[in-house]
N, C-alpha and C. Protein backbone atom coordinates (compact mmCIF):
# COMPACT_ATOMS: atom_id res chain seq x y z
N MET A 1 137.13 108.74 35.22
CA MET A 1 136.67 109.57 35.00
C MET A 1 136.69 110.52 36.75
N ALA A 2 136.85 111.90 36.69
CA ALA A 2 136.38 112.80 38.06
C ALA A 2 135.39 112.70 38.47
N PRO A 3 134.90 112.55 39.84
CA PRO A 3 133.84 112.85 40.75
C PRO A 3 132.82 114.05 39.94
N LEU A 4 131.73 113.45 39.94
CA LEU A 4 131.03 114.82 39.37
C LEU A 4 130.73 115.46 40.70
N PRO A 5 130.93 116.29 40.73
CA PRO A 5 130.16 117.87 41.57
C PRO A 5 128.80 117.64 42.27
N ILE A 6 128.80 117.95 43.54
CA ILE A 6 127.43 117.97 44.01
C ILE A 6 126.64 119.40 43.86
N PRO A 7 125.68 119.72 43.90
CA PRO A 7 125.46 121.27 43.50
C PRO A 7 125.05 122.14 44.97
N GLY A 8 126.54 122.67 45.17
CA GLY A 8 126.40 123.14 46.27
C GLY A 8 127.11 123.08 47.01
N GLY A 9 127.68 121.55 47.34
CA GLY A 9 128.87 121.05 47.96
C GLY A 9 127.79 119.82 48.68
N LEU A 10 127.96 119.15 50.09
CA LEU A 10 127.19 118.49 51.09
C LEU A 10 128.19 118.94 52.48
N LEU A 11 127.58 119.40 53.41
CA LEU A 11 128.29 119.56 53.94
C LEU A 11 127.57 118.06 55.55
N ILE A 12 128.43 117.69 56.10
CA ILE A 12 127.93 116.83 57.16
C ILE A 12 128.99 117.01 57.79
N ALA A 13 127.60 117.00 59.60
CA ALA A 13 128.39 117.10 60.79
C ALA A 13 128.19 115.91 61.57
N ILE A 14 129.21 115.81 62.28
CA ILE A 14 129.42 114.55 63.13
C ILE A 14 128.97 115.02 64.61
N GLU A 15 128.05 114.95 65.79
CA GLU A 15 128.18 116.16 66.76
C GLU A 15 127.86 114.54 67.56
N GLY A 16 127.76 114.78 69.09
CA GLY A 16 127.75 114.00 69.80
C GLY A 16 128.28 114.22 71.70
N ILE A 17 128.10 113.94 72.04
CA ILE A 17 128.86 113.62 73.40
C ILE A 17 130.25 113.07 73.57
N ASP A 18 131.13 113.37 74.43
CA ASP A 18 132.87 112.57 74.04
C ASP A 18 132.57 111.29 74.60
N GLY A 19 133.42 110.50 73.35
CA GLY A 19 132.79 109.36 73.53
C GLY A 19 132.03 108.47 72.70
N ALA A 20 131.30 109.13 72.39
CA ALA A 20 129.88 108.55 71.56
C ALA A 20 130.79 108.06 70.21
N GLY A 21 131.97 107.94 69.56
CA GLY A 21 132.10 107.33 68.40
C GLY A 21 132.59 108.75 67.17
N LYS A 22 132.74 109.34 67.43
CA LYS A 22 132.21 110.57 66.11
C LYS A 22 133.52 111.05 65.50
N THR A 23 134.91 110.69 66.01
CA THR A 23 136.31 110.27 64.94
C THR A 23 135.86 108.80 64.09
N THR A 24 135.58 107.43 64.88
CA THR A 24 135.85 106.59 63.99
C THR A 24 134.55 106.89 62.88
N LEU A 25 133.59 107.15 63.26
CA LEU A 25 132.72 107.55 62.40
C LEU A 25 133.05 108.18 61.12
N ALA A 26 134.07 109.29 61.34
CA ALA A 26 134.30 110.50 60.70
C ALA A 26 134.77 109.73 59.43
N HIS A 27 136.25 109.04 59.79
CA HIS A 27 137.11 108.23 59.17
C HIS A 27 136.39 107.32 58.17
N THR A 28 135.36 106.28 58.68
CA THR A 28 134.69 105.30 58.07
C THR A 28 133.61 106.21 57.23
N LEU A 29 133.02 107.00 56.98
CA LEU A 29 132.17 107.76 56.41
C LEU A 29 133.54 108.00 55.40
N ARG A 30 134.10 108.93 55.43
CA ARG A 30 134.88 109.26 54.45
C ARG A 30 135.66 108.05 53.56
N ASP A 31 136.20 107.18 54.39
CA ASP A 31 136.47 105.90 53.14
C ASP A 31 135.10 105.59 52.61
N ALA A 32 134.15 105.41 52.76
CA ALA A 32 132.90 104.77 51.93
C ALA A 32 132.71 105.80 50.59
N LEU A 33 132.45 107.04 51.05
CA LEU A 33 131.82 107.98 50.57
C LEU A 33 132.93 107.98 49.18
N SER A 34 134.22 107.99 49.58
CA SER A 34 135.47 107.79 48.58
C SER A 34 135.33 106.77 47.55
N LEU A 35 134.88 105.33 48.40
CA LEU A 35 134.67 104.54 47.13
C LEU A 35 133.27 104.42 46.59
N ASP A 36 132.10 105.47 46.67
CA ASP A 36 131.47 105.62 46.45
C ASP A 36 132.02 106.54 44.69
N GLY A 37 132.92 107.32 45.21
CA GLY A 37 133.09 108.01 43.35
C GLY A 37 132.86 109.66 44.41
N CYS A 38 132.91 110.26 45.10
CA CYS A 38 132.79 111.70 45.90
C CYS A 38 134.00 112.27 46.16
N THR A 39 134.06 112.92 46.10
CA THR A 39 135.59 113.92 46.62
C THR A 39 134.98 114.35 48.20
N VAL A 40 135.87 114.02 48.96
CA VAL A 40 135.08 114.44 50.28
C VAL A 40 136.50 114.78 51.23
N ASN A 41 136.51 115.89 51.87
CA ASN A 41 137.39 116.42 52.50
C ASN A 41 136.73 116.07 53.97
N LEU A 42 138.43 115.73 54.73
CA LEU A 42 137.49 115.19 56.36
C LEU A 42 138.34 116.32 56.78
N SER A 43 137.51 117.09 58.23
CA SER A 43 138.41 117.76 58.94
C SER A 43 137.64 117.55 60.72
N LYS A 44 137.69 118.69 61.42
CA LYS A 44 137.68 118.52 62.52
C LYS A 44 137.41 119.94 63.45
N GLU A 45 136.96 120.39 64.29
CA GLU A 45 136.81 121.14 65.20
C GLU A 45 136.77 120.79 67.05
N PRO A 46 137.56 121.96 67.38
CA PRO A 46 138.86 122.79 67.11
C PRO A 46 139.65 122.48 65.98
N THR A 47 140.09 122.87 65.37
CA THR A 47 141.12 122.75 64.15
C THR A 47 142.76 122.75 64.95
N ASN A 48 143.47 122.85 63.52
CA ASN A 48 144.95 122.31 64.30
C ASN A 48 145.58 123.79 64.57
N GLY A 49 144.59 124.73 63.81
CA GLY A 49 145.01 126.12 63.72
C GLY A 49 145.48 126.80 65.25
N PRO A 50 146.07 127.86 65.47
CA PRO A 50 146.55 128.53 66.31
C PRO A 50 144.89 128.98 67.77
N TRP A 51 143.82 128.79 67.13
CA TRP A 51 143.08 129.18 68.14
C TRP A 51 142.30 128.37 68.44
N GLY A 52 142.31 126.83 67.65
CA GLY A 52 141.52 125.71 67.86
C GLY A 52 142.82 124.83 69.04
N MET A 53 144.35 125.14 68.55
CA MET A 53 145.00 124.53 69.58
C MET A 53 145.12 125.00 71.36
N GLN A 54 144.75 126.37 71.23
CA GLN A 54 144.76 127.02 73.04
C GLN A 54 143.15 125.99 73.22
N MET A 55 142.34 126.21 72.58
CA MET A 55 141.29 125.16 73.08
C MET A 55 141.47 123.66 73.22
N ARG A 56 142.16 123.06 72.65
CA ARG A 56 142.59 121.79 72.85
C ARG A 56 143.48 121.62 73.96
N ALA A 57 144.62 122.71 74.30
CA ALA A 57 145.43 122.69 75.36
C ALA A 57 144.45 122.81 76.44
N SER A 58 143.48 123.46 76.80
CA SER A 58 142.86 124.04 78.09
C SER A 58 141.91 122.43 78.59
N ALA A 59 141.44 121.34 77.83
CA ALA A 59 140.93 120.08 78.17
C ALA A 59 142.13 119.37 78.89
N SER A 60 143.47 119.73 79.04
CA SER A 60 144.00 118.84 79.98
C SER A 60 144.59 120.41 81.06
N THR A 61 144.76 121.50 80.79
CA THR A 61 145.25 122.42 81.29
C THR A 61 144.61 123.01 82.49
N GLY A 62 142.93 122.93 82.26
CA GLY A 62 142.18 123.65 82.71
C GLY A 62 141.00 124.34 82.38
N ARG A 63 140.02 124.09 82.39
CA ARG A 63 138.98 125.08 81.34
C ARG A 63 138.98 126.54 81.37
N LEU A 64 139.03 127.05 80.28
CA LEU A 64 138.69 129.17 80.35
C LEU A 64 137.43 129.02 80.53
N SER A 65 137.39 130.89 80.97
CA SER A 65 135.72 131.04 80.99
C SER A 65 135.18 130.87 79.86
N PRO A 66 134.02 130.81 80.35
CA PRO A 66 132.80 130.39 78.54
C PRO A 66 132.95 131.37 77.38
N GLU A 67 133.12 132.14 77.96
CA GLU A 67 133.58 133.36 77.27
C GLU A 67 134.68 133.62 76.33
N GLU A 68 135.51 133.18 77.03
CA GLU A 68 136.84 133.17 76.28
C GLU A 68 136.88 131.85 75.23
N GLU A 69 136.60 130.98 75.66
CA GLU A 69 135.90 129.98 74.96
C GLU A 69 135.20 129.79 73.72
N LEU A 70 134.53 130.86 73.57
CA LEU A 70 133.34 131.11 72.56
C LEU A 70 134.13 131.80 71.67
N ARG A 71 135.32 133.24 72.17
CA ARG A 71 135.79 133.80 71.60
C ARG A 71 137.23 132.85 70.38
N LEU A 72 137.37 132.07 71.08
CA LEU A 72 138.58 131.18 70.44
C LEU A 72 137.93 130.49 69.38
N LEU A 73 136.66 129.68 69.92
CA LEU A 73 135.93 128.58 69.06
C LEU A 73 135.81 129.71 67.49
N ILE A 74 134.61 130.82 67.74
CA ILE A 74 134.26 131.66 66.49
C ILE A 74 135.79 132.08 65.80
N LEU A 75 136.65 132.70 66.45
CA LEU A 75 138.03 132.62 65.29
C LEU A 75 138.15 131.53 64.72
N ASP A 76 138.25 130.25 65.26
CA ASP A 76 138.86 128.76 65.02
C ASP A 76 137.72 128.75 63.71
N ARG A 77 136.35 128.44 64.26
CA ARG A 77 135.87 128.21 62.78
C ARG A 77 135.51 129.19 61.68
N ARG A 78 135.95 130.53 61.77
CA ARG A 78 136.06 131.87 61.10
C ARG A 78 137.02 131.08 60.04
N GLN A 79 138.46 130.87 60.74
CA GLN A 79 139.16 130.69 59.73
C GLN A 79 138.78 129.30 58.96
N HIS A 80 138.63 128.30 59.53
CA HIS A 80 138.13 126.97 59.31
C HIS A 80 137.11 126.91 57.73
N VAL A 81 135.98 128.19 58.45
CA VAL A 81 135.38 127.97 57.17
C VAL A 81 135.78 128.58 55.78
N ASP A 82 136.84 129.74 56.12
CA ASP A 82 137.26 130.64 55.12
C ASP A 82 137.80 129.71 54.30
N GLU A 83 138.93 129.11 54.82
CA GLU A 83 140.01 127.96 54.16
C GLU A 83 139.60 127.05 53.57
N LEU A 84 138.61 126.40 54.08
CA LEU A 84 138.41 125.22 54.14
C LEU A 84 137.06 124.59 53.79
N VAL A 85 136.16 125.29 54.49
CA VAL A 85 134.76 124.50 54.00
C VAL A 85 134.06 125.27 53.20
N ALA A 86 134.01 126.44 53.46
CA ALA A 86 133.09 127.15 51.75
C ALA A 86 134.05 127.09 50.71
N PRO A 87 135.14 126.84 50.59
CA PRO A 87 136.06 126.75 49.08
C PRO A 87 135.44 125.14 48.72
N ALA A 88 135.56 124.22 49.44
CA ALA A 88 135.12 122.80 49.43
C ALA A 88 133.65 122.47 49.08
N LEU A 89 132.59 123.86 49.56
CA LEU A 89 131.52 122.92 49.32
C LEU A 89 131.12 123.96 47.62
N ALA A 90 132.04 124.96 47.72
CA ALA A 90 131.99 125.84 46.46
C ALA A 90 132.68 125.08 45.02
N ARG A 91 133.18 124.30 45.17
CA ARG A 91 133.85 123.09 44.31
C ARG A 91 132.73 121.97 43.88
N GLY A 92 131.52 121.93 44.91
CA GLY A 92 130.70 120.68 44.65
C GLY A 92 131.26 119.56 45.48
N GLU A 93 132.44 119.53 46.51
CA GLU A 93 132.55 117.95 46.80
C GLU A 93 131.83 118.04 48.70
N ILE A 94 132.46 117.16 48.80
CA ILE A 94 131.86 117.04 50.43
C ILE A 94 132.62 117.34 51.69
N VAL A 95 132.07 117.60 52.55
CA VAL A 95 133.15 117.84 53.74
C VAL A 95 132.24 117.57 54.98
N ILE A 96 133.07 116.60 55.90
CA ILE A 96 132.64 115.64 56.78
C ILE A 96 133.59 116.55 58.67
N LEU A 97 132.88 117.28 58.82
CA LEU A 97 133.45 117.82 60.18
C LEU A 97 133.19 116.78 61.28
N ASP A 98 134.04 116.03 62.33
CA ASP A 98 134.17 115.28 63.52
C ASP A 98 133.93 116.77 64.61
N ARG A 99 132.89 117.31 64.73
CA ARG A 99 132.58 118.22 65.74
C ARG A 99 132.17 119.33 64.78
N TYR A 100 131.44 120.06 65.40
CA TYR A 100 131.36 121.62 64.50
C TYR A 100 130.53 122.51 65.39
N PHE A 101 129.80 124.09 65.07
CA PHE A 101 129.26 124.54 65.95
C PHE A 101 128.15 124.29 66.81
N PRO A 102 127.50 123.23 66.44
CA PRO A 102 126.57 122.67 67.61
C PRO A 102 127.25 122.22 68.54
N SER A 103 128.29 121.38 68.99
CA SER A 103 129.51 121.55 69.77
C SER A 103 129.47 122.42 70.67
N ASN A 104 130.17 123.48 69.98
CA ASN A 104 130.08 125.06 71.22
C ASN A 104 128.90 125.87 70.95
N VAL A 105 127.46 125.53 70.89
CA VAL A 105 126.48 125.58 71.31
C VAL A 105 125.98 124.03 72.68
N ALA A 106 126.54 123.94 72.58
CA ALA A 106 126.29 122.44 73.49
C ALA A 106 127.44 123.06 74.58
N TYR A 107 128.38 122.63 74.26
CA TYR A 107 129.47 122.60 75.45
C TYR A 107 129.99 124.20 76.06
N GLN A 108 129.02 125.34 75.69
CA GLN A 108 129.60 126.56 75.98
C GLN A 108 127.77 127.02 76.60
N GLY A 109 127.17 126.18 76.18
CA GLY A 109 125.52 126.40 76.68
C GLY A 109 125.55 125.35 78.02
N ALA A 110 126.27 124.78 78.07
CA ALA A 110 126.52 123.98 79.24
C ALA A 110 127.42 124.47 80.94
N ALA A 111 127.58 125.38 79.76
CA ALA A 111 128.62 126.06 81.03
C ALA A 111 128.04 127.80 81.31
N GLY A 112 127.06 127.83 80.60
CA GLY A 112 126.47 129.30 81.14
C GLY A 112 125.87 130.06 80.31
N LEU A 113 126.56 130.02 79.47
CA LEU A 113 126.03 130.96 78.02
C LEU A 113 124.53 130.63 77.28
N GLY A 114 124.38 131.73 77.00
CA GLY A 114 123.11 132.00 76.53
C GLY A 114 123.01 131.10 75.03
N ILE A 115 121.86 130.39 74.89
CA ILE A 115 121.78 129.45 73.55
C ILE A 115 121.40 129.98 72.74
N ASP A 116 120.92 131.17 72.64
CA ASP A 116 120.05 131.86 71.74
C ASP A 116 121.44 132.88 71.15
N ASP A 117 122.40 133.19 72.48
CA ASP A 117 123.54 134.10 71.78
C ASP A 117 124.07 133.30 70.89
N LEU A 118 124.60 132.04 71.69
CA LEU A 118 125.51 131.10 70.58
C LEU A 118 125.23 131.10 69.40
N MET A 119 123.91 130.50 69.23
CA MET A 119 123.15 130.56 67.76
C MET A 119 123.94 131.40 67.18
N GLN A 120 123.24 132.57 67.45
CA GLN A 120 123.64 134.23 66.76
C GLN A 120 125.40 133.87 66.42
N ALA A 121 126.23 134.02 67.43
CA ALA A 121 127.43 134.01 67.48
C ALA A 121 128.04 133.40 66.10
N ASN A 122 127.31 132.08 66.24
CA ASN A 122 127.74 131.14 64.83
C ASN A 122 126.71 130.95 63.41
N ALA A 123 126.12 132.43 63.17
CA ALA A 123 125.37 132.59 62.47
C ALA A 123 125.72 132.74 60.64
N PHE A 124 127.35 132.83 61.04
CA PHE A 124 127.89 132.66 59.96
C PHE A 124 128.56 131.66 59.51
N ALA A 125 128.03 130.21 60.40
CA ALA A 125 128.59 129.16 59.70
C ALA A 125 127.73 128.77 58.92
N PRO A 126 127.81 128.32 57.75
CA PRO A 126 127.13 127.09 56.82
C PRO A 126 126.61 126.11 57.63
N ARG A 127 125.66 126.10 57.68
CA ARG A 127 124.43 125.01 58.44
C ARG A 127 124.36 123.39 57.43
N PRO A 128 124.85 122.81 58.04
CA PRO A 128 124.80 121.08 57.74
C PRO A 128 123.50 120.84 56.96
N ASP A 129 124.03 119.75 55.55
CA ASP A 129 123.15 119.38 55.13
C ASP A 129 122.91 118.39 55.40
N LEU A 130 123.79 117.47 56.53
CA LEU A 130 123.63 115.99 57.42
C LEU A 130 124.37 116.61 58.80
N LEU A 131 123.16 116.39 59.79
CA LEU A 131 123.85 116.38 61.21
C LEU A 131 123.25 115.02 61.50
N LEU A 132 124.55 114.16 61.71
CA LEU A 132 124.41 112.87 62.09
C LEU A 132 125.00 113.48 63.74
N LEU A 133 123.53 113.01 64.86
CA LEU A 133 123.68 113.40 66.08
C LEU A 133 124.24 111.87 66.40
N LEU A 134 125.33 111.21 67.40
CA LEU A 134 125.43 110.30 67.89
C LEU A 134 124.91 110.57 69.33
N ASP A 135 123.88 109.68 69.57
CA ASP A 135 123.16 110.13 71.14
C ASP A 135 124.01 108.09 72.01
N LEU A 136 124.08 109.06 73.48
CA LEU A 136 125.10 108.38 73.95
C LEU A 136 124.55 108.77 75.49
N ALA A 137 124.43 107.88 76.66
CA ALA A 137 124.21 108.16 77.77
C ALA A 137 125.85 108.10 78.20
N PRO A 138 126.01 109.47 79.03
CA PRO A 138 127.64 109.67 79.65
C PRO A 138 128.34 108.89 80.19
N GLU A 139 127.50 107.76 81.01
CA GLU A 139 128.18 107.26 81.62
C GLU A 139 128.90 106.34 80.68
N VAL A 140 128.09 105.69 79.67
CA VAL A 140 128.98 104.47 78.29
C VAL A 140 129.85 105.31 78.08
N GLY A 141 129.87 106.68 77.77
CA GLY A 141 130.81 107.49 76.62
C GLY A 141 131.92 107.66 77.73
N LEU A 142 132.08 107.91 78.91
CA LEU A 142 132.89 107.88 80.15
C LEU A 142 133.56 107.04 80.19
N ALA A 143 132.70 105.72 80.26
CA ALA A 143 133.65 104.38 80.35
C ALA A 143 134.43 103.61 78.93
N ARG A 144 133.77 104.65 77.82
CA ARG A 144 134.51 104.31 76.52
C ARG A 144 136.14 104.59 76.35
N ILE A 145 136.14 106.27 77.07
CA ILE A 145 137.12 106.78 77.45
C ILE A 145 138.53 106.28 77.95
N ARG A 146 137.76 105.86 79.22
CA ARG A 146 138.85 104.76 80.07
C ARG A 146 139.38 104.08 79.30
N LEU A 147 137.92 102.73 78.68
CA LEU A 147 138.89 101.84 78.31
C LEU A 147 140.08 102.18 76.96
N ARG A 148 139.59 103.06 76.02
CA ARG A 148 141.19 103.53 75.13
C ARG A 148 141.88 103.60 76.15
N GLY A 149 142.27 103.87 77.07
CA GLY A 149 143.35 104.38 77.96
C GLY A 149 143.58 105.65 78.52
N ASP A 150 142.09 106.63 77.82
CA ASP A 150 142.53 108.23 78.29
C ASP A 150 142.13 107.86 79.47
N LYS A 151 142.64 109.36 79.95
CA LYS A 151 141.42 109.83 81.40
C LYS A 151 140.99 110.76 80.94
N PRO A 152 139.52 111.28 81.19
CA PRO A 152 138.70 112.40 81.05
C PRO A 152 139.33 113.72 81.40
N ASN A 153 138.85 114.51 80.49
CA ASN A 153 139.50 115.63 80.37
C ASN A 153 138.40 116.85 81.62
N HIS A 154 138.90 117.94 81.20
CA HIS A 154 137.89 118.83 82.42
C HIS A 154 136.54 119.20 81.49
N PHE A 155 136.59 118.81 80.44
CA PHE A 155 135.20 118.86 79.44
C PHE A 155 134.33 117.41 80.23
N GLU A 156 135.40 116.46 79.97
CA GLU A 156 134.31 115.35 80.35
C GLU A 156 134.16 114.34 81.98
N THR A 157 132.90 115.79 82.38
CA THR A 157 132.70 114.92 83.67
C THR A 157 130.97 114.79 83.24
N ALA A 158 130.51 113.46 84.09
CA ALA A 158 129.52 113.06 83.98
C ALA A 158 128.03 114.53 83.70
N GLU A 159 128.57 114.55 84.87
CA GLU A 159 127.27 116.27 85.12
C GLU A 159 127.23 116.80 83.79
N ASN A 160 128.79 117.11 83.30
CA ASN A 160 128.49 118.56 82.03
C ASN A 160 127.90 117.62 80.87
N LEU A 161 128.45 116.03 80.99
CA LEU A 161 128.27 115.46 79.51
C LEU A 161 126.92 115.72 79.29
N ASP A 162 126.22 115.46 80.60
CA ASP A 162 124.56 114.76 80.86
C ASP A 162 124.33 116.78 80.33
N ARG A 163 124.48 117.69 80.59
CA ARG A 163 123.53 118.89 80.36
C ARG A 163 124.08 119.56 78.72
N CYS A 164 125.07 118.85 78.30
CA CYS A 164 125.52 118.96 76.59
C CYS A 164 124.84 117.83 75.50
N ARG A 165 124.39 116.85 76.52
CA ARG A 165 123.85 116.05 75.86
C ARG A 165 121.99 116.28 75.42
N ALA A 166 121.54 117.28 77.02
CA ALA A 166 120.39 117.40 76.79
C ALA A 166 120.15 118.45 75.64
N ILE A 167 121.21 119.62 75.73
CA ILE A 167 120.94 120.90 74.54
C ILE A 167 121.13 120.19 73.29
N PHE A 168 122.28 119.65 72.62
CA PHE A 168 122.30 118.76 71.74
C PHE A 168 120.69 118.25 70.82
N ARG A 169 119.96 117.31 71.94
CA ARG A 169 118.78 116.84 71.30
C ARG A 169 117.67 117.96 71.35
N ASP A 170 118.07 119.37 71.95
CA ASP A 170 116.94 120.05 72.14
C ASP A 170 117.00 121.08 70.72
N MET A 171 118.55 121.03 70.23
CA MET A 171 118.62 122.16 68.58
C MET A 171 117.98 122.35 67.92
N ALA A 172 117.76 121.06 67.53
CA ALA A 172 116.36 120.96 66.36
C ALA A 172 116.83 121.44 65.03
N LEU A 173 118.15 121.36 64.74
CA LEU A 173 118.40 121.66 63.73
C LEU A 173 117.47 120.88 62.35
N PRO A 174 117.47 121.60 61.25
CA PRO A 174 117.25 120.82 60.31
C PRO A 174 118.34 119.73 59.80
N HIS A 175 117.16 118.61 59.43
CA HIS A 175 118.58 117.40 58.82
C HIS A 175 118.92 116.80 59.86
N THR A 176 118.42 116.95 60.93
CA THR A 176 119.50 116.26 62.05
C THR A 176 118.64 114.79 61.96
N ALA A 177 119.83 113.58 61.73
CA ALA A 177 119.59 112.12 62.05
C ALA A 177 120.01 111.95 63.13
N LEU A 178 119.10 111.46 64.74
CA LEU A 178 119.23 110.69 66.03
C LEU A 178 119.91 109.37 65.43
N ILE A 179 121.34 109.55 65.96
CA ILE A 179 121.80 107.81 66.02
C ILE A 179 121.80 107.06 67.04
N ASP A 180 121.51 106.21 67.83
CA ASP A 180 121.80 105.31 69.11
C ASP A 180 123.25 104.96 68.41
N ALA A 181 124.11 105.68 69.58
CA ALA A 181 125.74 105.34 69.51
C ALA A 181 125.91 104.29 70.22
N LYS A 182 124.89 103.62 71.13
CA LYS A 182 125.11 102.87 72.02
C LYS A 182 125.76 101.48 71.41
N ARG A 183 125.30 101.66 69.95
CA ARG A 183 125.23 100.28 69.73
C ARG A 183 126.88 99.55 68.76
N ASP A 184 126.56 98.62 68.21
CA ASP A 184 128.20 98.43 67.61
C ASP A 184 128.85 99.30 66.27
N ALA A 185 129.84 99.81 66.56
CA ALA A 185 130.63 100.60 65.63
C ALA A 185 129.69 100.35 64.26
N ASP A 186 130.02 99.02 63.59
CA ASP A 186 129.16 98.88 62.64
C ASP A 186 127.68 99.32 62.38
N GLU A 187 127.12 98.72 62.98
CA GLU A 187 125.78 99.02 63.23
C GLU A 187 125.41 100.68 62.93
N VAL A 188 126.04 101.44 63.58
CA VAL A 188 126.05 103.09 63.69
C VAL A 188 126.54 103.08 62.34
N SER A 189 127.45 102.75 61.58
CA SER A 189 128.05 103.25 60.42
C SER A 189 127.26 103.31 59.60
N ALA A 190 126.68 102.49 59.60
CA ALA A 190 125.68 101.16 58.00
C ALA A 190 125.01 102.62 58.22
N ASP A 191 124.24 102.72 59.20
CA ASP A 191 122.91 104.12 59.42
C ASP A 191 122.98 105.23 59.10
N ALA A 192 124.44 105.37 59.87
CA ALA A 192 124.94 106.65 59.34
C ALA A 192 125.48 107.22 58.00
N LEU A 193 125.96 106.02 57.39
CA LEU A 193 126.19 105.94 55.54
C LEU A 193 124.98 105.61 54.87
N ASP A 194 123.94 105.04 55.35
CA ASP A 194 122.56 105.37 54.69
C ASP A 194 121.84 106.56 54.79
N GLN A 195 122.32 107.46 56.11
CA GLN A 195 121.64 108.74 56.23
C GLN A 195 122.61 109.37 55.12
N ALA A 196 123.35 109.81 54.83
CA ALA A 196 124.75 110.42 53.87
C ALA A 196 124.27 110.26 52.61
N ARG A 197 123.80 109.09 51.90
CA ARG A 197 123.99 108.71 50.78
C ARG A 197 122.62 109.34 50.14
N GLN A 198 121.30 109.20 51.27
CA GLN A 198 120.24 109.79 50.76
C GLN A 198 120.42 111.33 50.63
N ALA A 199 121.07 112.28 51.74
CA ALA A 199 121.82 113.31 51.81
C ALA A 199 122.09 113.95 50.05
N ILE A 200 123.04 113.36 49.28
CA ILE A 200 123.39 113.39 48.88
C ILE A 200 122.64 112.84 47.56
N ALA A 201 121.73 111.87 47.80
CA ALA A 201 120.96 112.20 46.46
C ALA A 201 119.51 112.94 46.72
N ARG A 202 119.65 114.09 47.63
CA ARG A 202 118.39 115.19 47.77
C ARG A 202 118.84 115.86 47.13
N LYS A 203 120.44 116.51 47.45
CA LYS A 203 120.96 117.56 46.82
C LYS A 203 121.66 117.47 45.37
N ARG A 204 121.65 116.09 45.03
CA ARG A 204 121.78 116.06 43.35
C ARG A 204 120.07 116.33 42.92
N ALA A 205 119.18 116.08 43.36
CA ALA A 205 117.79 115.90 42.84
C ALA A 205 117.69 117.28 43.19
N GLY A 206 118.40 118.13 43.68
CA GLY A 206 118.24 119.78 43.83
C GLY A 206 116.91 120.05 45.21
N GLY A 207 117.22 119.21 46.43
CA GLY A 207 116.52 119.14 47.53
C GLY A 207 117.23 119.87 48.15
């Protein structure tokens, strides 16, 4: 039997500083909700599109100006929303995003752009039905990055991540679940999955 559509779909964004475990959680949620019988689309930002790849390249080659980063991210996000996010939500499906516009606000805000201006620039982007904010101290995130064999990039300095963490925590978007990401991955996943199932129930009930 085909999965029952969710009225208006369900948009889940997974956010937090580098090393918080966003990608691992995104895949775990995708698999668990698919087993629940939901149709799930998993994506990420920046995307692998032309503008997103320019942003990804800058992580290793050197940061662009905050204004240029914002320009590329908005172009990338508009294409992402138009081609994947909005159509999937219109079909009543779940969309899970590994980073979304809150990362844009946090990272470019930490680089000096105005938070209100960044929020306004992203006004076109659908707001998440559930924002899973993985909260973690920068030193723990950086240790995890090194443990997996990666070298921290130009975005991943303790000072920058500390500023980003503060902006994430102050953003106060509706439907945000603050999750302690220093715990074991299974505990984080169980917490996040419970939040996701509650969000699905609310949406099906018209909430």
